[in-house]
Amino acid sequence: MPDTFHERLSALDATFLDVEAKTAPMHVGAALLFDAKPLMLDHGGLDIERLTRYTEAALDSIPRYRQRVEYVPGLKHPVWVDDERFNMHFHLRHTRLPMPGDERSLKRLVGRLFSQHLDRSRPLWEFWVVEGVENDRFALVVKVHHCMVDGVAGVELLQALLQIMPNAEERVPKEWKPRPAPGRLELVRSELKHRVEGIRELTHFMPRVRDNFQGVRRLLMSGMIPAPKTMFTERDISPYRRFDWTSLRLDDVKAVKNTLGGTINDVVVATTTGAVRRFLIRRNEDVDAIEGFRTMLPVNTRKVGGASGGNHVAMLLADLPISEPNPIERLKKVIAITTKLKKESNQTGGAELIEEIADLTTKRIVSELYKAAMQLRTYNLVITNVPGPPLPLYLLGAPMKAIFPMVPLMRNQNLGIALFSYNGGLHWGFNADWESFPDVHEFVEDLENAFAEYMELAAARAPEISGGKGASAPT
């Protein structure tokens, strides 16, 4: 009889399964736009059979996408096992926009797809091929459960799926046979053995506990302080999503940071801060009375040469200076806040330590912290920024024109902002609750105006800089 296979989820990966709710699916995703002409058949439609065969071949390098979640009986810890019913046609789906196929229709469709939960009995991902996008384009809408990937692991998915040459050799899927899953008793024995060995390992953590004590303390203290009440977290959300996007030229963002100071991420956070301020003022909110508008900033904690898949991220909390009317001073305050988070608080080390201890013992250490943070509404907004490839990528010869990422919403958070840099552009994706954040398009305009303000200030100091409101990424 062949050897059985299972692989234990980390505490953080398992937590993203635990915190999922009916109104808050926990998949990450993206909408990718491509030039359709290289994949068109004579009748004008896409070659879906070729796309399906190619995508299935890509799975040979990412075996997690043929695995499903199983739970250890009694102990309720999730593990990965091969899906004996794996069917590529269930995961790669095909639809078409109604005429005229404008971006507004595409955004509505993407929001609807992101609203739908993934089937927990199957591998936790879906790809939707969307034909009929205006200007001879098609979209690929990607949904992958957060327990499988974070932002950096999402880049690795793109590397498996896309190519850097338009005429690269087409791959053929290999024969795949699922390995048998272990029985109930074997799962229980394996989990108990892991926990016993983990308890023994805890003695080696004492020096790290001492080194990271302040980081753990600050992380727990900040994570247990409720964020101020604003319309961003005023009530629990609905199950339905709106999705919007915009793009900026990466060179323009670099010009702002080179002239006014900070990093690319500082400019991103300061621009978002300005957008929040504009949005709340237009909603007749007293921004001067809001103290500590808090954002959660995920930080990659992967070690060089370490594990590639899953989640390796620490969640840092930063108070945004939305009461500051001067954009230059606002950027300076953001720089001071992010510098302090990175260099002084050691929250990243504290988060890593908590997650590693939970991996050795029980996921509940992390899971309960997340649930408490949600209950207390400890942040108003998520901003996640993932660096992507600087060169163009291709799907069977079709060039990718843009990619707009999606970060999921917790059940009491109605806007999440994700960014992805690609081929000279900085692409923003805005995931919003349909009911409590209906005017997400106005927030996008506020963000574009906030960045245009920084462009004007940078140009005044360095006249060779040009650009401004609505500056688009190259396509």
Protein backbone atom coordinates (compact mmCIF):
# COMPACT_ATOMS: atom_id res chain seq x y z
CA MET A 1 0.00 0.00 0.00
CA PRO A 2 1.42 3.45 -0.91
CA ASP A 3 2.50 5.75 1.89
CA THR A 4 -0.14 8.16 3.09
CA PHE A 5 0.33 11.91 2.87
CA HIS A 6 -0.73 14.86 4.99
CA GLU A 7 0.83 18.18 5.90
CA ARG A 8 -0.06 20.27 8.91
CA LEU A 9 -1.16 23.89 8.43
CA SER A 10 0.75 26.50 10.40
CA ALA A 11 -1.06 28.30 13.21
CA LEU A 12 -1.38 31.46 11.12
CA ASP A 13 -2.64 29.59 8.05
CA ALA A 14 -5.18 27.75 10.21
CA THR A 15 -6.31 31.02 11.77
CA PHE A 16 -7.47 32.31 8.38
CA LEU A 17 -9.82 29.32 8.23
CA ASP A 18 -11.03 29.95 11.79
CA VAL A 19 -11.87 33.63 11.37
CA GLU A 20 -13.84 33.18 8.16
CA ALA A 21 -17.51 34.14 8.56
CA LYS A 22 -20.65 34.08 6.42
CA THR A 23 -20.22 37.77 5.68
CA ALA A 24 -16.41 37.65 5.48
CA PRO A 25 -14.88 35.11 3.11
CA MET A 26 -11.14 34.88 3.65
CA HIS A 27 -9.76 34.47 0.15
CA VAL A 28 -7.24 36.80 -1.39
CA GLY A 29 -7.42 37.54 -5.08
CA ALA A 30 -6.68 39.69 -8.07
CA ALA A 31 -8.12 40.79 -11.40
CA LEU A 32 -5.55 40.41 -14.18
CA LEU A 33 -6.11 42.13 -17.54
CA PHE A 34 -4.62 40.70 -20.76
CA ASP A 35 -4.51 41.48 -24.45
CA ALA A 36 -6.88 38.86 -25.90
CA LYS A 37 -5.70 38.83 -29.52
CA PRO A 38 -2.90 36.20 -29.12
CA LEU A 39 -5.42 33.71 -27.68
CA MET A 40 -8.38 34.35 -29.98
CA LEU A 41 -9.79 31.62 -32.23
CA ASP A 42 -11.26 32.23 -35.68
CA HIS A 43 -14.77 32.67 -34.26
CA GLY A 44 -13.55 35.50 -31.99
CA GLY A 45 -13.62 33.66 -28.66
CA LEU A 46 -10.70 32.61 -26.48
CA ASP A 47 -9.04 29.22 -26.78
CA ILE A 48 -10.34 27.94 -23.42
CA GLU A 49 -9.20 24.37 -23.97
CA ARG A 50 -5.63 25.54 -24.48
CA LEU A 51 -5.84 27.78 -21.41
CA THR A 52 -7.16 24.90 -19.32
CA ARG A 53 -4.42 22.52 -20.42
CA TYR A 54 -1.75 25.15 -19.80
CA THR A 55 -3.07 26.03 -16.33
CA GLU A 56 -3.21 22.37 -15.32
CA ALA A 57 0.44 22.00 -16.35
CA ALA A 58 1.31 24.98 -14.15
CA LEU A 59 -0.10 23.11 -11.13
CA ASP A 60 2.73 20.57 -11.41
CA SER A 61 5.02 23.15 -9.76
CA ILE A 62 2.50 24.16 -7.06
CA PRO A 63 1.11 20.88 -5.62
CA ARG A 64 -0.91 22.69 -2.93
CA TYR A 65 -3.49 23.54 -5.62
CA ARG A 66 -4.44 19.85 -5.87
CA GLN A 67 -4.91 19.47 -2.11
CA ARG A 68 -7.88 20.01 0.18
CA VAL A 69 -8.28 20.63 3.90
CA GLU A 70 -9.01 17.80 6.32
CA TYR A 71 -9.32 18.12 10.12
CA VAL A 72 -7.71 16.02 12.83
CA PRO A 73 -10.58 14.32 14.70
CA GLY A 74 -11.19 15.76 18.16
CA LEU A 75 -8.20 18.12 18.04
CA LYS A 76 -9.62 20.12 15.10
CA HIS A 77 -6.31 21.13 13.59
CA PRO A 78 -6.41 21.33 9.77
CA VAL A 79 -4.06 19.41 7.51
CA TRP A 80 -3.54 19.25 3.76
CA VAL A 81 -4.30 15.99 1.92
CA ASP A 82 -4.39 15.24 -1.80
CA ASP A 83 -7.85 15.70 -3.31
CA GLU A 84 -8.85 12.35 -4.76
CA ARG A 85 -11.70 14.07 -6.67
CA PHE A 86 -9.62 16.87 -8.17
CA ASN A 87 -11.26 18.22 -11.33
CA MET A 88 -9.56 21.03 -13.22
CA HIS A 89 -12.84 22.11 -14.83
CA PHE A 90 -14.34 22.88 -11.41
CA HIS A 91 -11.54 25.34 -10.62
CA LEU A 92 -10.99 27.03 -14.00
CA ARG A 93 -14.27 28.68 -14.95
CA HIS A 94 -15.37 30.69 -17.95
CA THR A 95 -17.80 33.57 -18.42
CA ARG A 96 -18.35 36.64 -20.59
CA LEU A 97 -19.30 40.26 -19.94
CA PRO A 98 -22.44 41.71 -21.48
CA MET A 99 -21.92 44.30 -24.21
CA PRO A 100 -20.15 46.70 -24.32
CA GLY A 101 -17.83 45.01 -21.79
CA ASP A 102 -16.68 48.23 -20.13
CA GLU A 103 -14.57 48.35 -16.97
CA ARG A 104 -17.59 49.28 -14.85
CA SER A 105 -19.24 45.97 -15.80
CA LEU A 106 -16.00 44.11 -15.13
CA LYS A 107 -15.61 45.69 -11.69
CA ARG A 108 -19.19 44.68 -10.82
CA LEU A 109 -18.50 41.10 -11.89
CA VAL A 110 -15.23 40.94 -9.94
CA GLY A 111 -16.99 42.23 -6.83
CA ARG A 112 -19.66 39.55 -7.22
CA LEU A 113 -17.07 36.78 -7.66
CA PHE A 114 -15.12 37.97 -4.63
CA SER A 115 -18.34 37.85 -2.58
CA GLN A 116 -18.70 34.10 -3.06
CA HIS A 117 -17.12 31.61 -0.66
CA LEU A 118 -14.83 28.87 -1.85
CA ASP A 119 -15.96 25.25 -1.46
CA ARG A 120 -14.23 23.92 1.69
CA SER A 121 -14.52 20.31 0.45
CA ARG A 122 -12.21 21.00 -2.52
CA PRO A 123 -8.87 22.72 -3.14
CA LEU A 124 -9.43 26.31 -2.04
CA TRP A 125 -9.04 28.27 -5.27
CA GLU A 126 -10.87 29.38 -8.41
CA PHE A 127 -9.74 31.05 -11.64
CA TRP A 128 -12.36 32.83 -13.74
CA VAL A 129 -11.62 33.60 -17.40
CA VAL A 130 -13.74 36.61 -18.38
CA GLU A 131 -14.17 37.29 -22.10
CA GLY A 132 -15.64 40.35 -23.77
CA VAL A 133 -13.66 43.07 -21.99
CA GLU A 134 -13.56 46.22 -24.11
CA ASN A 135 -10.51 47.07 -26.27
CA ASP A 136 -9.87 43.41 -27.17
CA ARG A 137 -8.96 42.32 -23.67
CA PHE A 138 -9.89 39.50 -21.33
CA ALA A 139 -9.61 39.21 -17.55
CA LEU A 140 -8.43 36.41 -15.31
CA VAL A 141 -10.01 36.69 -11.87
CA VAL A 142 -8.02 34.74 -9.28
CA LYS A 143 -9.37 33.63 -5.89
CA VAL A 144 -7.17 31.69 -3.44
CA HIS A 145 -7.94 31.15 0.23
CA HIS A 146 -5.72 33.11 2.59
CA CYS A 147 -4.78 29.87 4.38
CA MET A 148 -2.82 28.95 1.22
CA VAL A 149 -1.05 32.19 0.34
CA ASP A 150 -0.14 35.69 1.44
CA GLY A 151 0.94 38.46 -0.90
CA VAL A 152 4.46 37.15 -1.53
CA ALA A 153 3.20 33.60 -2.09
CA GLY A 154 0.76 35.11 -4.57
CA VAL A 155 3.73 36.37 -6.57
CA GLU A 156 5.01 32.80 -6.68
CA LEU A 157 1.66 31.72 -8.12
CA LEU A 158 2.13 34.26 -10.91
CA GLN A 159 5.61 32.87 -11.56
CA ALA A 160 4.12 29.40 -12.01
CA LEU A 161 1.33 30.64 -14.27
CA LEU A 162 2.95 33.39 -16.35
CA GLN A 163 6.09 33.61 -18.46
CA ILE A 164 8.62 36.34 -19.16
CA MET A 165 8.81 35.55 -22.90
CA PRO A 166 5.84 35.86 -25.28
CA ASN A 167 6.90 32.80 -27.28
CA ALA A 168 8.00 30.51 -24.45
CA GLU A 169 7.51 26.77 -24.89
CA GLU A 170 4.03 25.58 -23.98
CA ARG A 171 3.87 23.11 -21.12
CA VAL A 172 1.96 19.82 -21.04
CA PRO A 173 0.43 18.57 -17.75
CA LYS A 174 2.06 15.51 -16.22
CA GLU A 175 0.07 12.53 -15.06
CA TRP A 176 -0.97 13.08 -11.44
CA LYS A 177 -2.08 10.47 -8.93
CA PRO A 178 -3.34 11.50 -5.47
CA ARG A 179 -1.58 9.96 -2.50
CA PRO A 180 -3.92 8.27 -0.02
CA ALA A 181 -4.98 10.32 2.99
CA PRO A 182 -4.19 8.96 6.47
CA GLY A 183 -6.92 7.42 8.59
CA ARG A 184 -8.45 9.12 11.63
CA LEU A 185 -6.21 7.35 14.13
CA GLU A 186 -3.04 8.20 12.18
CA LEU A 187 -4.04 11.88 12.06
CA VAL A 188 -4.62 11.96 15.82
CA ARG A 189 -1.33 10.23 16.58
CA SER A 190 0.60 12.58 14.32
CA GLU A 191 -0.95 15.69 15.87
CA LEU A 192 -0.36 14.50 19.44
CA LYS A 193 3.26 13.68 18.60
CA HIS A 194 3.70 17.16 17.13
CA ARG A 195 2.34 18.84 20.25
CA VAL A 196 4.43 16.76 22.66
CA GLU A 197 7.59 17.52 20.69
CA GLY A 198 6.55 21.17 20.51
CA ILE A 199 6.27 21.46 24.28
CA ARG A 200 9.79 20.08 24.59
CA GLU A 201 11.02 22.64 22.06
CA LEU A 202 9.59 25.54 24.08
CA THR A 203 12.58 25.49 26.42
CA HIS A 204 14.73 26.70 23.51
CA PHE A 205 12.48 29.75 23.09
CA MET A 206 13.28 31.35 26.44
CA PRO A 207 16.20 33.46 25.12
CA ARG A 208 14.01 34.67 22.25
CA VAL A 209 11.18 35.45 24.66
CA ARG A 210 13.55 37.67 26.62
CA ASP A 211 14.87 39.32 23.43
CA ASN A 212 11.41 39.95 22.03
CA PHE A 213 9.51 40.63 25.26
CA GLN A 214 8.99 44.32 24.48
CA GLY A 215 7.84 43.47 20.97
CA VAL A 216 5.30 40.94 22.27
CA ARG A 217 4.12 43.38 24.94
CA ARG A 218 3.66 46.25 22.48
CA LEU A 219 1.96 44.00 19.95
CA LEU A 220 -0.54 42.71 22.51
CA MET A 221 -1.16 46.16 23.97
CA SER A 222 -1.76 47.81 20.58
CA GLY A 223 -3.84 44.86 19.42
CA MET A 224 -6.20 45.15 22.36
CA ILE A 225 -6.91 48.89 22.00
CA PRO A 226 -10.07 49.65 20.01
CA ALA A 227 -9.64 51.90 17.00
CA PRO A 228 -11.69 55.13 16.92
CA LYS A 229 -15.25 54.81 15.67
CA THR A 230 -15.57 55.92 12.05
CA MET A 231 -17.70 54.90 9.10
CA PHE A 232 -14.89 52.48 8.13
CA THR A 233 -15.75 50.22 11.08
CA GLU A 234 -19.12 51.44 12.29
CA ARG A 235 -21.00 48.15 11.87
CA ASP A 236 -20.70 44.55 10.74
CA ILE A 237 -20.56 44.18 7.00
CA SER A 238 -22.81 42.45 4.48
CA PRO A 239 -21.80 39.38 2.43
CA TYR A 240 -21.57 41.44 -0.78
CA ARG A 241 -18.59 43.28 -2.26
CA ARG A 242 -17.79 46.16 -4.55
CA PHE A 243 -14.40 46.18 -6.21
CA ASP A 244 -12.65 49.17 -7.76
CA TRP A 245 -9.14 50.01 -8.92
CA THR A 246 -6.72 52.62 -10.16
CA SER A 247 -3.12 52.71 -11.39
CA LEU A 248 -0.23 55.13 -10.92
CA ARG A 249 3.09 55.31 -12.69
CA LEU A 250 5.75 53.82 -10.42
CA ASP A 251 8.22 56.44 -11.63
CA ASP A 252 5.85 59.17 -10.40
CA VAL A 253 5.66 57.56 -6.96
CA LYS A 254 9.46 57.28 -6.88
CA ALA A 255 9.78 60.94 -7.91
CA VAL A 256 7.60 61.97 -4.95
CA LYS A 257 9.60 59.93 -2.45
CA ASN A 258 12.94 61.05 -3.91
CA THR A 259 11.90 64.71 -3.69
CA LEU A 260 9.78 64.81 -0.53
CA GLY A 261 11.35 61.95 1.45
CA GLY A 262 10.46 58.52 2.74
CA THR A 263 10.03 55.24 0.92
CA ILE A 264 7.55 54.12 -1.73
CA ASN A 265 5.45 52.58 1.03
CA ASP A 266 5.56 55.85 3.01
CA VAL A 267 4.18 57.69 -0.04
CA VAL A 268 1.50 55.01 -0.39
CA VAL A 269 0.47 55.34 3.27
CA ALA A 270 0.57 59.15 3.20
CA THR A 271 -1.51 59.22 0.00
CA THR A 272 -4.04 56.87 1.59
CA THR A 273 -4.08 59.06 4.70
CA GLY A 274 -4.89 62.07 2.55
CA ALA A 275 -7.65 60.13 0.80
CA VAL A 276 -9.20 59.10 4.13
CA ARG A 277 -9.11 62.72 5.29
CA ARG A 278 -10.77 63.99 2.09
CA PHE A 279 -13.37 61.23 2.19
CA LEU A 280 -14.37 61.83 5.82
CA ILE A 281 -14.52 65.62 5.38
CA ARG A 282 -16.86 65.15 2.43
CA ARG A 283 -18.95 62.94 4.70
CA ASN A 284 -19.11 65.84 7.21
CA GLU A 285 -16.96 63.95 9.73
CA ASP A 286 -14.88 65.98 12.19
CA VAL A 287 -11.42 64.62 11.34
CA ASP A 288 -9.80 66.74 14.07
CA ALA A 289 -11.80 64.81 16.65
CA ILE A 290 -10.63 61.39 15.40
CA GLU A 291 -7.54 60.33 17.29
CA GLY A 292 -5.50 57.33 16.26
CA PHE A 293 -7.16 56.31 12.97
CA ARG A 294 -5.48 52.93 12.86
CA THR A 295 -4.30 50.94 9.88
CA MET A 296 -2.98 47.41 9.77
CA LEU A 297 0.18 47.06 7.66
CA PRO A 298 1.16 43.45 6.88
CA VAL A 299 4.94 42.92 6.78
CA ASN A 300 6.64 40.00 5.04
CA THR A 301 8.66 37.88 7.51
CA ARG A 302 10.02 35.26 5.11
CA LYS A 303 13.61 34.21 5.63
CA VAL A 304 15.93 33.95 2.62
CA GLY A 305 15.74 30.36 1.42
CA GLY A 306 12.82 29.61 3.76
CA ALA A 307 9.40 28.13 3.03
CA SER A 308 7.68 29.61 0.00
CA GLY A 309 3.95 28.90 0.37
CA GLY A 310 1.51 29.75 3.13
CA ASN A 311 1.60 32.89 5.27
CA HIS A 312 4.80 34.41 6.62
CA VAL A 313 3.63 37.82 7.70
CA ALA A 314 3.39 40.02 10.78
CA MET A 315 0.55 42.46 11.28
CA LEU A 316 1.76 45.91 12.37
CA LEU A 317 -0.63 48.59 13.61
CA ALA A 318 -0.01 52.24 12.80
CA ASP A 319 -2.04 55.36 13.66
CA LEU A 320 -2.49 57.55 10.58
CA PRO A 321 -2.32 61.36 10.96
CA ILE A 322 -5.64 62.10 9.22
CA SER A 323 -6.09 65.29 11.26
CA GLU A 324 -2.97 66.83 9.66
CA PRO A 325 -4.08 69.27 6.91
CA ASN A 326 -0.61 69.91 5.47
CA PRO A 327 0.40 67.10 3.05
CA ILE A 328 4.13 67.64 3.62
CA GLU A 329 3.73 67.42 7.38
CA ARG A 330 1.43 64.43 6.88
CA LEU A 331 4.17 62.61 4.96
CA LYS A 332 6.76 63.49 7.61
CA LYS A 333 4.50 62.09 10.33
CA VAL A 334 3.93 58.90 8.34
CA ILE A 335 7.69 58.48 7.90
CA ALA A 336 8.20 58.92 11.65
CA ILE A 337 5.45 56.38 12.42
CA THR A 338 6.71 53.68 10.05
CA THR A 339 10.33 54.21 11.11
CA LYS A 340 9.38 53.77 14.74
CA LEU A 341 7.42 50.61 13.95
CA LYS A 342 10.32 49.07 12.04
CA LYS A 343 13.19 50.07 14.33
CA GLU A 344 11.90 50.60 17.84
CA SER A 345 8.82 48.60 18.71
CA ASN A 346 10.05 45.17 17.48
CA GLN A 347 6.43 44.20 16.86
CA THR A 348 7.56 42.03 13.93
CA GLY A 349 9.79 39.92 16.17
CA GLY A 350 7.00 39.68 18.73
CA ALA A 351 4.49 38.52 16.12
CA GLU A 352 6.89 35.92 14.74
CA LEU A 353 7.54 34.57 18.22
CA ILE A 354 3.82 34.20 19.03
CA GLU A 355 3.20 32.43 15.71
CA GLU A 356 6.11 30.02 16.20
CA ILE A 357 5.01 29.09 19.72
CA ALA A 358 1.49 28.49 18.39
CA ASP A 359 2.92 26.27 15.64
CA LEU A 360 4.60 24.12 18.28
CA THR A 361 1.54 23.87 20.52
CA THR A 362 -1.94 24.95 19.43
CA LYS A 363 -3.27 27.34 16.81
CA ARG A 364 -5.67 28.81 19.39
CA ILE A 365 -2.93 31.16 20.65
CA VAL A 366 -3.03 33.01 17.33
CA SER A 367 -6.65 32.34 16.45
CA GLU A 368 -8.03 33.76 19.70
CA LEU A 369 -5.85 36.87 19.38
CA TYR A 370 -7.27 37.51 15.91
CA LYS A 371 -10.83 36.98 17.09
CA ALA A 372 -10.32 39.32 20.05
CA ALA A 373 -8.86 41.97 17.76
CA MET A 374 -11.89 41.69 15.48
CA GLN A 375 -14.28 41.89 18.41
CA LEU A 376 -12.55 45.02 19.69
CA ARG A 377 -12.27 46.53 16.18
CA THR A 378 -8.60 47.30 16.68
CA TYR A 379 -7.99 48.83 13.25
CA ASN A 380 -9.96 50.88 10.74
CA LEU A 381 -8.24 49.94 7.50
CA VAL A 382 -5.80 47.48 5.90
CA ILE A 383 -3.11 48.61 3.47
CA THR A 384 -0.95 45.87 1.98
CA ASN A 385 1.72 46.60 -0.63
CA VAL A 386 3.39 43.73 -2.50
CA PRO A 387 6.35 44.27 -4.87
CA GLY A 388 5.85 42.49 -8.16
CA PRO A 389 7.91 41.88 -11.30
CA PRO A 390 9.29 44.99 -13.06
CA LEU A 391 9.12 43.34 -16.50
CA PRO A 392 6.10 42.36 -18.63
CA LEU A 393 4.62 38.88 -18.20
CA TYR A 394 2.70 36.74 -20.68
CA LEU A 395 0.01 34.08 -20.58
CA LEU A 396 0.42 31.90 -23.68
CA GLY A 397 1.72 34.91 -25.56
CA ALA A 398 -0.97 37.28 -24.27
CA PRO A 399 0.72 40.22 -22.48
CA MET A 400 -0.60 41.08 -19.02
CA LYS A 401 -1.59 44.75 -19.05
CA ALA A 402 -2.40 45.25 -15.35
CA ILE A 403 -3.10 43.39 -12.12
CA PHE A 404 -5.38 44.69 -9.38
CA PRO A 405 -5.02 42.79 -6.07
CA MET A 406 -7.68 42.14 -3.43
CA VAL A 407 -7.27 41.84 0.35
CA PRO A 408 -10.20 40.25 2.24
CA LEU A 409 -12.33 42.09 4.79
CA MET A 410 -12.86 41.08 8.38
CA ARG A 411 -16.49 41.06 9.43
CA ASN A 412 -16.41 44.58 10.92
CA GLN A 413 -14.15 46.27 8.37
CA ASN A 414 -15.65 47.69 5.19
CA LEU A 415 -12.62 48.69 3.09
CA GLY A 416 -9.34 46.96 2.31
CA ILE A 417 -6.61 48.37 0.07
CA ALA A 418 -4.05 46.18 -1.72
CA LEU A 419 -1.27 47.30 -4.06
CA PHE A 420 0.90 45.43 -6.53
CA SER A 421 3.75 46.89 -8.57
CA TYR A 422 4.15 45.51 -12.07
CA ASN A 423 5.98 46.59 -15.23
CA GLY A 424 6.34 50.25 -14.27
CA GLY A 425 2.92 50.62 -12.69
CA LEU A 426 1.60 50.67 -9.13
CA HIS A 427 -1.82 49.02 -9.26
CA TRP A 428 -4.36 49.57 -6.46
CA GLY A 429 -7.29 47.30 -5.67
CA PHE A 430 -10.12 48.46 -3.37
CA ASN A 431 -12.32 45.79 -1.79
CA ALA A 432 -15.40 47.34 -0.16
CA ASP A 433 -18.61 46.22 1.49
CA TRP A 434 -21.55 46.75 -0.87
CA GLU A 435 -23.90 48.15 1.77
CA SER A 436 -21.81 50.19 4.20
CA PHE A 437 -19.27 51.51 1.66
CA PRO A 438 -21.30 52.13 -1.51
CA ASP A 439 -19.26 55.11 -2.70
CA VAL A 440 -15.91 53.36 -3.08
CA HIS A 441 -15.47 55.04 -6.49
CA GLU A 442 -15.47 58.42 -4.71
CA PHE A 443 -12.77 57.18 -2.35
CA VAL A 444 -10.69 56.18 -5.37
CA GLU A 445 -11.08 59.72 -6.74
CA ASP A 446 -10.03 61.12 -3.36
CA LEU A 447 -6.91 58.95 -3.48
CA GLU A 448 -6.04 60.07 -7.00
CA ASN A 449 -6.46 63.70 -5.92
CA ALA A 450 -4.34 63.14 -2.81
CA PHE A 451 -1.52 61.74 -4.95
CA ALA A 452 -1.89 64.58 -7.49
CA GLU A 453 -1.29 66.97 -4.61
CA TYR A 454 1.99 65.24 -3.81
CA MET A 455 2.95 65.31 -7.47
CA GLU A 456 2.37 69.08 -7.59
CA LEU A 457 4.43 69.62 -4.44
CA ALA A 458 7.25 67.47 -5.79
CA ALA A 459 7.16 69.26 -9.14
CA ALA A 460 7.40 72.63 -7.39
CA ARG A 461 10.67 71.47 -5.80
CA ALA A 462 11.93 69.60 -8.89
CA PRO A 463 10.46 71.22 -12.02
CA GLU A 464 11.46 68.30 -14.26
CA ILE A 465 8.72 66.18 -12.59
CA SER A 466 5.38 66.15 -14.44
CA GLY A 467 2.15 64.22 -14.03
CA GLY A 468 -0.66 64.42 -11.52
CA LYS A 469 -4.28 63.44 -11.05
CA GLY A 470 -5.20 60.15 -12.59
CA ALA A 471 -1.67 59.48 -13.85
CA SER A 472 -1.92 56.01 -15.32
CA ALA A 473 0.56 53.19 -15.38
CA PRO A 474 1.97 52.19 -18.76
CA THR A 475 0.07 49.47 -20.60
